[in-house]
């Protein structure tokens, strides 16, 4: 495991607390379908903003990023709805980040850019 994995897991957990915990929680009254979609859309817009201005030579497939982030967010949102708390989406996001960033010694460009 690289040294960045702890930060990556912390970033993922924080995103879940904000988007599935706070934002989705604020829209609970709109129902179990719409609340997760709103939170997932907000998370997707946040991710697109992070990747909006990459360094020279870095290309981003924005459509893939948007669709993947939106679908994962909806799934995590429905996990939150089903469980009644944010623990499953937090665990899922942390696990995802460990797998994706586990061997990195340093943060990718988009973390501090």
C-alpha atoms as a PDB file:
ATOM      1  CA  UNK A   1       0.000   0.000   0.000  1.00  0.00           C
ATOM      2  CA  UNK A   2       1.191   3.453  -0.902  1.00  0.00           C
ATOM      3  CA  UNK A   3       1.156   6.364   1.461  1.00  0.00           C
ATOM      4  CA  UNK A   4      -1.645   8.148  -0.410  1.00  0.00           C
ATOM      5  CA  UNK A   5      -4.181   5.398   0.333  1.00  0.00           C
ATOM      6  CA  UNK A   6      -5.122   6.838   3.743  1.00  0.00           C
ATOM      7  CA  UNK A   7      -5.792  10.277   2.254  1.00  0.00           C
ATOM      8  CA  UNK A   8      -7.745   8.711  -0.625  1.00  0.00           C
ATOM      9  CA  UNK A   9      -9.928   6.745   1.799  1.00  0.00           C
ATOM     10  CA  UNK A  10     -10.488   9.899   3.851  1.00  0.00           C
ATOM     11  CA  UNK A  11     -11.481  11.888   0.766  1.00  0.00           C
ATOM     12  CA  UNK A  12     -13.964   9.182  -0.288  1.00  0.00           C
ATOM     13  CA  UNK A  13     -15.470   8.943   3.199  1.00  0.00           C
ATOM     14  CA  UNK A  14     -15.809  12.729   3.365  1.00  0.00           C
ATOM     15  CA  UNK A  15     -17.530  12.835  -0.027  1.00  0.00           C
ATOM     16  CA  UNK A  16     -20.055  10.262   1.179  1.00  0.00           C
ATOM     17  CA  UNK A  17     -20.759  12.151   4.396  1.00  0.00           C
ATOM     18  CA  UNK A  18     -21.391  15.305   2.367  1.00  0.00           C
ATOM     19  CA  UNK A  19     -23.293  13.926  -0.635  1.00  0.00           C
ATOM     20  CA  UNK A  20     -25.088  10.820   0.692  1.00  0.00           C
ATOM     21  CA  UNK A  21     -25.272  12.015   4.275  1.00  0.00           C
ATOM     22  CA  UNK A  22     -26.013  15.723   4.187  1.00  0.00           C
ATOM     23  CA  UNK A  23     -27.328  16.459   0.676  1.00  0.00           C
ATOM     24  CA  UNK A  24     -29.330  13.278   0.241  1.00  0.00           C
ATOM     25  CA  UNK A  25     -30.591  13.654   3.795  1.00  0.00           C
ATOM     26  CA  UNK A  26     -31.838  17.175   3.021  1.00  0.00           C
ATOM     27  CA  UNK A  27     -33.901  15.801   0.111  1.00  0.00           C
ATOM     28  CA  UNK A  28     -35.314  12.740   1.942  1.00  0.00           C
ATOM     29  CA  UNK A  29     -38.793  14.206   1.734  1.00  0.00           C
ATOM     30  CA  UNK A  30     -38.677  13.907  -2.053  1.00  0.00           C
ATOM     31  CA  UNK A  31     -38.593  10.115  -1.843  1.00  0.00           C
ATOM     32  CA  UNK A  32     -36.227   7.188  -2.092  1.00  0.00           C
ATOM     33  CA  UNK A  33     -35.804   7.619  -5.874  1.00  0.00           C
ATOM     34  CA  UNK A  34     -35.350  11.363  -6.253  1.00  0.00           C
ATOM     35  CA  UNK A  35     -33.194  12.066  -3.169  1.00  0.00           C
ATOM     36  CA  UNK A  36     -30.366   9.728  -4.301  1.00  0.00           C
ATOM     37  CA  UNK A  37     -30.533  11.099  -7.848  1.00  0.00           C
ATOM     38  CA  UNK A  38     -30.196  14.685  -6.605  1.00  0.00           C
ATOM     39  CA  UNK A  39     -27.235  13.784  -4.389  1.00  0.00           C
ATOM     40  CA  UNK A  40     -25.608  11.774  -7.201  1.00  0.00           C
ATOM     41  CA  UNK A  41     -26.070  14.670  -9.626  1.00  0.00           C
ATOM     42  CA  UNK A  42     -24.471  17.087  -7.149  1.00  0.00           C
ATOM     43  CA  UNK A  43     -21.549  14.685  -6.667  1.00  0.00           C
ATOM     44  CA  UNK A  44     -21.162  14.301 -10.423  1.00  0.00           C
ATOM     45  CA  UNK A  45     -21.033  18.073 -10.928  1.00  0.00           C
ATOM     46  CA  UNK A  46     -18.410  18.303  -8.172  1.00  0.00           C
ATOM     47  CA  UNK A  47     -16.276  15.599  -9.849  1.00  0.00           C
ATOM     48  CA  UNK A  48     -16.568  17.282 -13.242  1.00  0.00           C
ATOM     49  CA  UNK A  49     -15.451  20.563 -11.656  1.00  0.00           C
ATOM     50  CA  UNK A  50     -12.405  18.817 -10.163  1.00  0.00           C
ATOM     51  CA  UNK A  51     -11.367  17.558 -13.580  1.00  0.00           C
ATOM     52  CA  UNK A  52     -12.407  20.670 -15.530  1.00  0.00           C
ATOM     53  CA  UNK A  53      -8.932  22.097 -16.081  1.00  0.00           C
ATOM     54  CA  UNK A  54      -6.402  19.259 -16.294  1.00  0.00           C
ATOM     55  CA  UNK A  55      -2.681  19.881 -16.734  1.00  0.00           C
ATOM     56  CA  UNK A  56      -1.310  20.099 -20.258  1.00  0.00           C
ATOM     57  CA  UNK A  57      -1.143  16.672 -21.849  1.00  0.00           C
ATOM     58  CA  UNK A  58      -3.849  15.090 -19.678  1.00  0.00           C
ATOM     59  CA  UNK A  59      -7.033  14.175 -21.501  1.00  0.00           C
ATOM     60  CA  UNK A  60     -10.274  13.438 -19.700  1.00  0.00           C
ATOM     61  CA  UNK A  61     -13.210  11.481 -21.059  1.00  0.00           C
ATOM     62  CA  UNK A  62     -15.869  13.681 -19.468  1.00  0.00           C
ATOM     63  CA  UNK A  63     -18.786  11.569 -20.679  1.00  0.00           C
ATOM     64  CA  UNK A  64     -17.319   8.424 -19.091  1.00  0.00           C
ATOM     65  CA  UNK A  65     -16.508  10.346 -15.901  1.00  0.00           C
ATOM     66  CA  UNK A  66     -20.013  11.818 -15.701  1.00  0.00           C
ATOM     67  CA  UNK A  67     -21.893   8.590 -16.412  1.00  0.00           C
ATOM     68  CA  UNK A  68     -19.700   6.474 -14.131  1.00  0.00           C
ATOM     69  CA  UNK A  69     -19.880   8.953 -11.269  1.00  0.00           C
ATOM     70  CA  UNK A  70     -23.634   9.408 -11.641  1.00  0.00           C
ATOM     71  CA  UNK A  71     -24.354   5.665 -11.716  1.00  0.00           C
ATOM     72  CA  UNK A  72     -22.053   4.934  -8.765  1.00  0.00           C
ATOM     73  CA  UNK A  73     -23.669   7.804  -6.854  1.00  0.00           C
ATOM     74  CA  UNK A  74     -27.163   6.487  -7.499  1.00  0.00           C
ATOM     75  CA  UNK A  75     -26.127   3.009  -6.346  1.00  0.00           C
ATOM     76  CA  UNK A  76     -24.500   4.435  -3.208  1.00  0.00           C
ATOM     77  CA  UNK A  77     -27.601   6.553  -2.628  1.00  0.00           C
ATOM     78  CA  UNK A  78     -29.879   3.563  -2.869  1.00  0.00           C
ATOM     79  CA  UNK A  79     -27.587   1.670  -0.478  1.00  0.00           C
ATOM     80  CA  UNK A  80     -28.048   4.539   1.963  1.00  0.00           C
ATOM     81  CA  UNK A  81     -31.813   4.394   1.505  1.00  0.00           C
ATOM     82  CA  UNK A  82     -31.928   0.631   1.976  1.00  0.00           C
ATOM     83  CA  UNK A  83     -29.685   0.629   5.055  1.00  0.00           C
ATOM     84  CA  UNK A  84     -31.134   3.783   6.595  1.00  0.00           C
ATOM     85  CA  UNK A  85     -27.641   5.188   7.210  1.00  0.00           C
ATOM     86  CA  UNK A  86     -24.473   6.170   5.349  1.00  0.00           C
ATOM     87  CA  UNK A  87     -22.241   3.303   6.491  1.00  0.00           C
ATOM     88  CA  UNK A  88     -22.659   1.121   3.356  1.00  0.00           C
ATOM     89  CA  UNK A  89     -21.864   3.929   0.877  1.00  0.00           C
ATOM     90  CA  UNK A  90     -18.949   5.128   3.014  1.00  0.00           C
ATOM     91  CA  UNK A  91     -17.547   1.584   3.158  1.00  0.00           C
ATOM     92  CA  UNK A  92     -18.086   1.113  -0.588  1.00  0.00           C
ATOM     93  CA  UNK A  93     -16.399   4.389  -1.503  1.00  0.00           C
ATOM     94  CA  UNK A  94     -13.471   3.769   0.849  1.00  0.00           C
ATOM     95  CA  UNK A  95     -12.994   0.273  -0.587  1.00  0.00           C
ATOM     96  CA  UNK A  96     -13.156   1.663  -4.146  1.00  0.00           C
ATOM     97  CA  UNK A  97     -10.521   4.291  -3.329  1.00  0.00           C
ATOM     98  CA  UNK A  98      -8.247   1.706  -1.693  1.00  0.00           C
ATOM     99  CA  UNK A  99      -8.410  -0.470  -4.811  1.00  0.00           C
ATOM    100  CA  UNK A 100      -7.906   2.424  -7.246  1.00  0.00           C
ATOM    101  CA  UNK A 101      -5.304   4.423  -5.301  1.00  0.00           C
ATOM    102  CA  UNK A 102      -3.829   1.779  -3.006  1.00  0.00           C
ATOM    103  CA  UNK A 103      -0.428   1.572  -4.656  1.00  0.00           C
ATOM    104  CA  UNK A 104       0.075   5.310  -5.127  1.00  0.00           C
ATOM    105  CA  UNK A 105       2.749   6.993  -3.064  1.00  0.00           C
ATOM    106  CA  UNK A 106       1.531  10.476  -4.046  1.00  0.00           C
ATOM    107  CA  UNK A 107      -1.780  12.154  -4.707  1.00  0.00           C
ATOM    108  CA  UNK A 108      -2.913  12.376  -8.344  1.00  0.00           C
ATOM    109  CA  UNK A 109      -2.864  15.811  -9.998  1.00  0.00           C
ATOM    110  CA  UNK A 110      -6.538  16.504  -9.370  1.00  0.00           C
ATOM    111  CA  UNK A 111      -6.226  16.407  -5.570  1.00  0.00           C
ATOM    112  CA  UNK A 112      -3.983  19.481  -5.203  1.00  0.00           C
ATOM    113  CA  UNK A 113      -4.126  21.054  -8.664  1.00  0.00           C
END
